[in-house]
N, C-alpha and C. Protein backbone atom coordinates (compact mmCIF):
# COMPACT_ATOMS: atom_id res chain seq x y z
N LEU A 1 13.91 21.99 -14.43
CA LEU A 1 12.57 21.55 -14.18
C LEU A 1 11.82 21.40 -15.49
N GLY A 2 10.96 20.41 -15.53
CA GLY A 2 10.14 20.21 -16.72
C GLY A 2 10.82 19.45 -17.83
N LYS A 3 12.07 19.05 -17.63
CA LYS A 3 12.79 18.31 -18.67
C LYS A 3 12.73 16.83 -18.38
N ARG A 4 12.75 16.04 -19.44
CA ARG A 4 12.80 14.59 -19.27
C ARG A 4 14.17 14.20 -18.71
N GLY A 5 14.18 13.12 -17.95
CA GLY A 5 15.43 12.66 -17.37
C GLY A 5 15.17 11.75 -16.19
N PRO A 6 16.19 11.43 -15.43
CA PRO A 6 16.03 10.48 -14.34
C PRO A 6 15.15 10.98 -13.19
N TYR A 7 14.91 12.28 -13.11
CA TYR A 7 14.11 12.82 -12.01
C TYR A 7 12.72 13.26 -12.45
N ASP A 8 12.27 12.78 -13.61
CA ASP A 8 10.95 13.10 -14.13
C ASP A 8 9.93 12.18 -13.46
N ALA A 9 9.27 12.67 -12.44
CA ALA A 9 8.34 11.85 -11.65
C ALA A 9 7.03 11.58 -12.39
N SER A 10 6.79 12.24 -13.51
CA SER A 10 5.54 12.01 -14.24
C SER A 10 5.59 10.73 -15.07
N GLN A 11 6.75 10.19 -15.27
CA GLN A 11 6.89 8.97 -16.06
C GLN A 11 6.68 7.74 -15.18
N GLY A 12 5.97 6.73 -15.69
CA GLY A 12 5.71 5.51 -14.95
C GLY A 12 6.64 4.38 -15.32
N SER A 13 7.80 4.71 -15.86
CA SER A 13 8.71 3.68 -16.36
C SER A 13 9.65 3.11 -15.31
N VAL A 14 9.50 3.54 -14.06
CA VAL A 14 10.35 3.05 -12.98
C VAL A 14 9.48 2.83 -11.74
N ALA A 15 9.77 1.76 -11.00
CA ALA A 15 9.00 1.48 -9.78
C ALA A 15 9.40 2.47 -8.70
N ARG A 16 8.41 3.13 -8.13
CA ARG A 16 8.67 4.09 -7.06
C ARG A 16 8.10 3.64 -5.72
N LEU A 17 7.41 2.51 -5.73
CA LEU A 17 6.88 1.94 -4.50
C LEU A 17 7.20 0.44 -4.49
N TRP A 18 7.88 0.02 -3.46
CA TRP A 18 8.17 -1.39 -3.24
C TRP A 18 7.49 -1.82 -1.95
N ARG A 19 7.17 -3.07 -1.85
CA ARG A 19 6.69 -3.66 -0.61
C ARG A 19 7.72 -4.71 -0.21
N LEU A 20 8.21 -4.60 1.03
CA LEU A 20 9.28 -5.46 1.52
C LEU A 20 8.76 -6.41 2.59
N ARG A 21 9.32 -7.62 2.59
CA ARG A 21 8.94 -8.62 3.60
C ARG A 21 10.15 -9.50 3.90
N PRO A 22 10.53 -9.60 5.17
CA PRO A 22 11.64 -10.49 5.50
C PRO A 22 11.22 -11.95 5.34
N GLY A 23 12.12 -12.73 4.78
CA GLY A 23 11.89 -14.17 4.65
C GLY A 23 12.51 -14.88 5.83
N VAL A 24 11.68 -15.32 6.75
CA VAL A 24 12.17 -15.97 7.96
C VAL A 24 12.01 -17.48 7.83
N HIS A 25 12.85 -18.21 8.55
CA HIS A 25 12.89 -19.66 8.44
C HIS A 25 11.54 -20.34 8.67
N PRO A 26 10.76 -19.97 9.72
CA PRO A 26 9.49 -20.66 9.94
C PRO A 26 8.53 -20.57 8.74
N THR A 27 8.59 -19.48 7.99
CA THR A 27 7.72 -19.33 6.83
C THR A 27 8.35 -19.94 5.59
N GLU A 28 9.63 -19.73 5.39
CA GLU A 28 10.29 -20.18 4.16
C GLU A 28 10.55 -21.67 4.12
N GLN A 29 10.51 -22.35 5.25
CA GLN A 29 10.81 -23.78 5.24
C GLN A 29 9.79 -24.58 4.42
N PHE A 30 8.63 -24.00 4.16
CA PHE A 30 7.61 -24.67 3.36
C PHE A 30 7.62 -24.22 1.90
N GLY A 31 8.62 -23.43 1.50
CA GLY A 31 8.73 -22.97 0.12
C GLY A 31 8.38 -21.49 -0.01
N VAL A 32 8.59 -20.98 -1.20
CA VAL A 32 8.37 -19.55 -1.46
C VAL A 32 6.93 -19.23 -1.84
N ASP A 33 6.09 -20.24 -1.94
CA ASP A 33 4.71 -20.01 -2.39
C ASP A 33 3.96 -19.01 -1.52
N LYS A 34 4.20 -19.00 -0.22
CA LYS A 34 3.52 -18.04 0.68
C LYS A 34 3.88 -16.60 0.32
N PHE A 35 5.09 -16.41 -0.14
CA PHE A 35 5.53 -15.06 -0.50
C PHE A 35 4.99 -14.66 -1.87
N LEU A 36 4.90 -15.62 -2.77
CA LEU A 36 4.49 -15.33 -4.14
C LEU A 36 2.99 -15.15 -4.28
N ALA A 37 2.21 -15.82 -3.44
CA ALA A 37 0.75 -15.80 -3.58
C ALA A 37 0.07 -14.91 -2.56
N GLY A 38 0.82 -14.33 -1.66
CA GLY A 38 0.22 -13.55 -0.58
C GLY A 38 -0.32 -12.20 -1.03
N ASP A 39 -1.12 -11.61 -0.18
CA ASP A 39 -1.67 -10.29 -0.41
C ASP A 39 -0.61 -9.25 -0.07
N LEU A 40 -0.22 -8.45 -1.04
CA LEU A 40 0.83 -7.45 -0.82
C LEU A 40 0.40 -6.34 0.14
N LYS A 41 -0.87 -6.21 0.38
CA LYS A 41 -1.34 -5.15 1.28
C LYS A 41 -1.54 -5.68 2.69
N GLY A 42 -1.15 -6.92 2.94
CA GLY A 42 -1.27 -7.49 4.28
C GLY A 42 -0.24 -6.92 5.22
N ASN A 43 -0.33 -7.30 6.48
CA ASN A 43 0.57 -6.79 7.52
C ASN A 43 2.01 -7.22 7.32
N GLU A 44 2.23 -8.33 6.61
CA GLU A 44 3.60 -8.84 6.46
C GLU A 44 4.45 -7.98 5.53
N TRP A 45 3.82 -7.26 4.62
CA TRP A 45 4.53 -6.45 3.63
C TRP A 45 4.57 -4.99 4.08
N THR A 46 5.76 -4.38 4.04
CA THR A 46 5.94 -2.99 4.42
C THR A 46 6.14 -2.13 3.18
N PRO A 47 5.27 -1.15 2.92
CA PRO A 47 5.47 -0.28 1.76
C PRO A 47 6.63 0.69 1.99
N VAL A 48 7.48 0.83 0.97
CA VAL A 48 8.64 1.70 1.05
C VAL A 48 8.74 2.48 -0.26
N LEU A 49 8.86 3.79 -0.15
CA LEU A 49 9.01 4.64 -1.33
C LEU A 49 10.48 4.77 -1.70
N THR A 50 10.73 4.92 -2.99
CA THR A 50 12.09 5.09 -3.50
C THR A 50 12.41 6.57 -3.63
N TYR A 51 13.63 6.85 -4.05
CA TYR A 51 13.98 8.20 -4.48
C TYR A 51 13.21 8.47 -5.78
N VAL A 52 13.17 9.71 -6.22
CA VAL A 52 12.43 10.06 -7.42
C VAL A 52 12.93 9.29 -8.64
N ASP A 53 14.22 9.00 -8.70
CA ASP A 53 14.76 8.28 -9.86
C ASP A 53 14.55 6.77 -9.76
N GLY A 54 13.86 6.31 -8.71
CA GLY A 54 13.53 4.90 -8.60
C GLY A 54 14.49 4.04 -7.79
N ARG A 55 15.53 4.63 -7.23
CA ARG A 55 16.48 3.85 -6.44
C ARG A 55 15.96 3.64 -5.03
N LEU A 56 16.05 2.39 -4.58
CA LEU A 56 15.76 2.06 -3.18
C LEU A 56 17.10 1.72 -2.55
N SER A 57 17.51 2.48 -1.56
CA SER A 57 18.86 2.36 -1.01
C SER A 57 19.01 1.12 -0.13
N GLU A 58 20.24 0.72 0.05
CA GLU A 58 20.57 -0.42 0.91
C GLU A 58 20.09 -0.17 2.34
N GLU A 59 20.17 1.07 2.80
CA GLU A 59 19.73 1.40 4.15
C GLU A 59 18.24 1.16 4.31
N ARG A 60 17.44 1.54 3.30
CA ARG A 60 15.98 1.32 3.36
C ARG A 60 15.66 -0.17 3.30
N LEU A 61 16.44 -0.92 2.52
CA LEU A 61 16.25 -2.37 2.46
C LEU A 61 16.56 -3.00 3.82
N ALA A 62 17.63 -2.54 4.44
CA ALA A 62 18.06 -3.11 5.72
C ALA A 62 17.03 -2.85 6.83
N GLU A 63 16.29 -1.75 6.74
CA GLU A 63 15.27 -1.45 7.75
C GLU A 63 14.20 -2.54 7.81
N ALA A 64 13.94 -3.18 6.67
CA ALA A 64 12.92 -4.23 6.62
C ALA A 64 13.39 -5.54 7.23
N LEU A 65 14.66 -5.63 7.57
CA LEU A 65 15.23 -6.86 8.13
C LEU A 65 15.14 -6.91 9.64
N ASN A 66 14.41 -6.00 10.22
CA ASN A 66 14.29 -5.92 11.67
C ASN A 66 13.35 -7.02 12.17
N VAL A 67 13.93 -8.17 12.52
CA VAL A 67 13.14 -9.30 13.04
C VAL A 67 13.74 -9.73 14.38
N HIS A 68 13.00 -10.56 15.10
CA HIS A 68 13.46 -11.06 16.39
C HIS A 68 14.81 -11.77 16.22
N LYS A 69 15.73 -11.57 17.15
CA LYS A 69 17.08 -12.10 16.99
C LYS A 69 17.15 -13.62 16.98
N TYR A 70 16.13 -14.31 17.46
CA TYR A 70 16.15 -15.77 17.48
C TYR A 70 15.43 -16.38 16.28
N VAL A 71 15.02 -15.55 15.35
CA VAL A 71 14.36 -16.04 14.14
C VAL A 71 15.38 -16.05 13.01
N GLY A 72 15.49 -17.17 12.31
CA GLY A 72 16.45 -17.28 11.22
C GLY A 72 16.00 -16.51 10.00
N LEU A 73 16.79 -15.53 9.59
CA LEU A 73 16.49 -14.70 8.43
C LEU A 73 17.18 -15.29 7.22
N VAL A 74 16.41 -15.68 6.20
CA VAL A 74 17.01 -16.35 5.03
C VAL A 74 16.81 -15.59 3.73
N GLY A 75 16.08 -14.49 3.76
CA GLY A 75 15.88 -13.72 2.54
C GLY A 75 15.13 -12.43 2.81
N LEU A 76 15.13 -11.57 1.83
CA LEU A 76 14.33 -10.35 1.85
C LEU A 76 13.58 -10.31 0.53
N TYR A 77 12.27 -10.25 0.61
CA TYR A 77 11.44 -10.21 -0.58
C TYR A 77 11.02 -8.77 -0.85
N ALA A 78 11.13 -8.36 -2.11
CA ALA A 78 10.74 -7.02 -2.53
C ALA A 78 9.76 -7.17 -3.69
N ALA A 79 8.62 -6.52 -3.58
CA ALA A 79 7.58 -6.63 -4.60
C ALA A 79 7.23 -5.27 -5.17
N ALA A 80 7.05 -5.23 -6.49
CA ALA A 80 6.60 -4.02 -7.18
C ALA A 80 5.49 -4.42 -8.14
N ARG A 81 4.47 -3.58 -8.22
CA ARG A 81 3.34 -3.88 -9.12
C ARG A 81 3.42 -3.00 -10.35
N PHE A 82 2.99 -3.56 -11.48
CA PHE A 82 2.99 -2.81 -12.73
C PHE A 82 1.81 -3.23 -13.59
N GLN A 83 1.56 -2.44 -14.62
CA GLN A 83 0.45 -2.69 -15.52
C GLN A 83 0.96 -2.75 -16.95
N SER A 84 0.46 -3.74 -17.69
CA SER A 84 0.79 -3.88 -19.10
C SER A 84 -0.45 -3.49 -19.90
N ALA A 85 -0.30 -2.58 -20.84
CA ALA A 85 -1.45 -2.10 -21.60
C ALA A 85 -1.98 -3.16 -22.56
N GLY A 86 -1.09 -4.00 -23.07
CA GLY A 86 -1.51 -5.05 -23.99
C GLY A 86 -0.67 -6.28 -23.83
N ALA A 87 -1.10 -7.36 -24.45
CA ALA A 87 -0.33 -8.61 -24.39
C ALA A 87 0.92 -8.48 -25.27
N GLY A 88 1.99 -9.13 -24.84
CA GLY A 88 3.23 -9.10 -25.60
C GLY A 88 4.44 -9.27 -24.70
N THR A 89 5.60 -9.06 -25.29
CA THR A 89 6.85 -9.21 -24.56
C THR A 89 7.25 -7.87 -23.95
N ALA A 90 7.65 -7.93 -22.69
CA ALA A 90 8.11 -6.74 -21.99
C ALA A 90 9.52 -6.98 -21.47
N SER A 91 10.32 -5.95 -21.48
CA SER A 91 11.68 -6.01 -20.94
C SER A 91 11.73 -5.25 -19.64
N LEU A 92 12.30 -5.88 -18.62
CA LEU A 92 12.47 -5.25 -17.32
C LEU A 92 13.95 -5.20 -16.99
N LYS A 93 14.45 -4.03 -16.68
CA LYS A 93 15.85 -3.89 -16.29
C LYS A 93 15.90 -3.78 -14.77
N LEU A 94 16.50 -4.80 -14.15
CA LEU A 94 16.57 -4.87 -12.70
C LEU A 94 18.00 -4.68 -12.25
N THR A 95 18.22 -3.71 -11.35
CA THR A 95 19.55 -3.52 -10.77
C THR A 95 19.47 -3.91 -9.31
N ALA A 96 19.81 -5.17 -9.04
CA ALA A 96 19.73 -5.67 -7.66
C ALA A 96 20.63 -6.88 -7.49
N ALA A 97 21.81 -6.82 -8.03
CA ALA A 97 22.71 -7.97 -7.90
C ALA A 97 23.33 -7.95 -6.52
N PRO A 98 23.49 -9.05 -5.84
CA PRO A 98 23.06 -10.39 -6.27
C PRO A 98 21.65 -10.69 -5.78
N ALA A 99 20.77 -11.06 -6.68
CA ALA A 99 19.41 -11.46 -6.31
C ALA A 99 19.34 -12.98 -6.35
N LEU A 100 18.58 -13.56 -5.44
CA LEU A 100 18.48 -15.01 -5.34
C LEU A 100 17.39 -15.57 -6.24
N GLY A 101 16.51 -14.74 -6.72
CA GLY A 101 15.44 -15.19 -7.59
C GLY A 101 14.49 -14.06 -7.90
N ALA A 102 13.69 -14.25 -8.95
CA ALA A 102 12.69 -13.26 -9.32
C ALA A 102 11.50 -13.98 -9.94
N TRP A 103 10.31 -13.43 -9.68
CA TRP A 103 9.08 -14.01 -10.18
C TRP A 103 8.15 -12.91 -10.64
N ILE A 104 7.41 -13.19 -11.72
CA ILE A 104 6.32 -12.31 -12.14
C ILE A 104 5.05 -13.14 -12.05
N ASP A 105 4.12 -12.68 -11.25
CA ASP A 105 2.86 -13.39 -11.01
C ASP A 105 3.09 -14.84 -10.61
N GLY A 106 4.11 -15.09 -9.80
CA GLY A 106 4.39 -16.43 -9.29
C GLY A 106 5.20 -17.32 -10.22
N GLN A 107 5.51 -16.85 -11.42
CA GLN A 107 6.29 -17.63 -12.38
C GLN A 107 7.73 -17.12 -12.38
N ALA A 108 8.68 -18.04 -12.22
CA ALA A 108 10.09 -17.65 -12.17
C ALA A 108 10.52 -17.04 -13.49
N ILE A 109 11.35 -15.99 -13.38
CA ILE A 109 11.94 -15.38 -14.58
C ILE A 109 13.45 -15.42 -14.42
N LYS A 110 14.13 -15.39 -15.55
CA LYS A 110 15.59 -15.40 -15.55
C LYS A 110 16.08 -13.98 -15.29
N LEU A 111 17.02 -13.88 -14.37
CA LEU A 111 17.57 -12.58 -14.03
C LEU A 111 18.80 -12.28 -14.88
N ASP A 112 18.63 -11.43 -15.85
CA ASP A 112 19.73 -10.93 -16.66
C ASP A 112 19.73 -9.41 -16.48
N ASP A 113 20.64 -8.75 -17.19
CA ASP A 113 20.60 -7.29 -17.16
C ASP A 113 19.27 -6.78 -17.67
N LEU A 114 18.71 -7.50 -18.66
CA LEU A 114 17.43 -7.12 -19.23
C LEU A 114 16.56 -8.37 -19.32
N ALA A 115 15.67 -8.56 -18.36
CA ALA A 115 14.80 -9.73 -18.34
C ALA A 115 13.64 -9.50 -19.29
N LYS A 116 13.43 -10.44 -20.22
CA LYS A 116 12.31 -10.34 -21.15
C LYS A 116 11.30 -11.40 -20.78
N THR A 117 10.04 -11.00 -20.73
CA THR A 117 8.98 -11.92 -20.35
C THR A 117 7.72 -11.61 -21.12
N LYS A 118 6.92 -12.64 -21.36
CA LYS A 118 5.63 -12.45 -22.03
C LYS A 118 4.58 -12.14 -20.99
N LEU A 119 3.77 -11.13 -21.28
CA LEU A 119 2.75 -10.68 -20.35
C LEU A 119 1.40 -10.61 -21.03
N THR A 120 0.35 -10.78 -20.26
CA THR A 120 -0.99 -10.49 -20.72
C THR A 120 -1.31 -9.05 -20.35
N ALA A 121 -2.37 -8.52 -20.91
CA ALA A 121 -2.78 -7.17 -20.55
C ALA A 121 -3.31 -7.19 -19.12
N GLY A 122 -3.00 -6.15 -18.36
CA GLY A 122 -3.50 -6.04 -17.00
C GLY A 122 -2.41 -5.82 -15.98
N ASN A 123 -2.76 -6.01 -14.71
CA ASN A 123 -1.84 -5.78 -13.60
C ASN A 123 -1.01 -7.02 -13.31
N HIS A 124 0.24 -6.80 -12.92
CA HIS A 124 1.17 -7.88 -12.62
C HIS A 124 2.01 -7.51 -11.40
N THR A 125 2.63 -8.53 -10.79
CA THR A 125 3.48 -8.31 -9.63
C THR A 125 4.84 -8.93 -9.86
N LEU A 126 5.88 -8.14 -9.67
CA LEU A 126 7.26 -8.60 -9.71
C LEU A 126 7.72 -8.77 -8.28
N ILE A 127 8.26 -9.96 -7.97
CA ILE A 127 8.83 -10.20 -6.64
C ILE A 127 10.28 -10.64 -6.82
N VAL A 128 11.16 -10.01 -6.06
CA VAL A 128 12.59 -10.30 -6.10
C VAL A 128 13.01 -10.76 -4.72
N LYS A 129 13.79 -11.84 -4.66
CA LYS A 129 14.34 -12.31 -3.39
C LYS A 129 15.80 -11.90 -3.31
N LEU A 130 16.14 -11.20 -2.24
CA LEU A 130 17.50 -10.72 -2.02
C LEU A 130 18.14 -11.47 -0.86
N ASP A 131 19.44 -11.57 -0.91
CA ASP A 131 20.21 -12.18 0.18
C ASP A 131 20.36 -11.14 1.28
N PRO A 132 19.86 -11.39 2.49
CA PRO A 132 19.93 -10.38 3.55
C PRO A 132 21.35 -10.08 4.01
N LYS A 133 22.29 -10.97 3.73
CA LYS A 133 23.68 -10.74 4.12
C LYS A 133 24.48 -10.01 3.04
N LYS A 134 23.91 -9.91 1.84
CA LYS A 134 24.59 -9.24 0.72
C LYS A 134 23.60 -8.34 0.00
N LEU A 135 23.02 -7.40 0.71
CA LEU A 135 22.05 -6.50 0.08
C LEU A 135 22.73 -5.65 -0.98
N PRO A 136 22.04 -5.39 -2.09
CA PRO A 136 22.61 -4.52 -3.13
C PRO A 136 22.68 -3.08 -2.65
N ALA A 137 23.57 -2.32 -3.25
CA ALA A 137 23.69 -0.90 -2.90
C ALA A 137 22.38 -0.18 -3.20
N THR A 138 21.71 -0.57 -4.29
CA THR A 138 20.40 -0.03 -4.64
C THR A 138 19.56 -1.12 -5.31
N LEU A 139 18.28 -0.98 -5.17
CA LEU A 139 17.32 -1.83 -5.87
C LEU A 139 16.53 -0.91 -6.78
N ARG A 140 16.46 -1.27 -8.05
CA ARG A 140 15.75 -0.43 -9.02
C ARG A 140 15.27 -1.30 -10.16
N VAL A 141 14.05 -1.07 -10.62
CA VAL A 141 13.54 -1.75 -11.80
C VAL A 141 12.90 -0.71 -12.71
N GLU A 142 13.18 -0.86 -14.00
CA GLU A 142 12.61 0.08 -14.97
C GLU A 142 12.20 -0.66 -16.23
N SER A 143 11.27 -0.09 -16.94
CA SER A 143 10.81 -0.66 -18.21
C SER A 143 10.05 0.40 -18.97
N THR A 144 10.27 0.45 -20.27
CA THR A 144 9.49 1.36 -21.12
C THR A 144 8.26 0.64 -21.68
N ASP A 145 8.13 -0.66 -21.39
CA ASP A 145 7.03 -1.45 -21.92
C ASP A 145 5.84 -1.54 -20.97
N VAL A 146 6.01 -1.16 -19.71
CA VAL A 146 4.94 -1.26 -18.71
C VAL A 146 4.89 0.05 -17.92
N THR A 147 3.83 0.19 -17.13
CA THR A 147 3.67 1.34 -16.23
C THR A 147 3.63 0.80 -14.81
N PHE A 148 4.52 1.28 -13.96
CA PHE A 148 4.57 0.83 -12.57
C PHE A 148 3.49 1.54 -11.77
N LEU A 149 2.89 0.78 -10.86
CA LEU A 149 1.78 1.28 -10.06
C LEU A 149 2.27 1.74 -8.69
N ALA A 150 1.57 2.69 -8.12
CA ALA A 150 1.91 3.21 -6.79
C ALA A 150 0.72 3.03 -5.87
N ASP A 151 0.18 1.79 -5.85
CA ASP A 151 -0.98 1.53 -4.99
C ASP A 151 -0.64 0.58 -3.87
């Protein structure tokens, strides 16, 4: 206890709150803009807490896929909010392969082991689209350049 490490909950370098939303055909047929510009606190998004080390398990991801059986499920969107203290380049390490896409504040980012992006100071939203038929074993994002929010 009290030592730095993967279970140090006082550090804001890992997302511990995700908001999940199933991507269904009636909504997605008009593009991803509804998912990228929507209010994360609306009824469509379900808040889900991670383990202390920031891992969101496949089982927790699958719970968000509970939709009517006659609705075509084409994706699972996961959103995490973070804050950048100043303008500059930030590196985000995302463990969620295979992901179908990722966006920060509605702008597409390249998914590598370490995604680097330019940010302004203030709050930002990371949204990741996952394949509902190939969910990752865990979803986790970390960065030493930003502080993840739990709001």
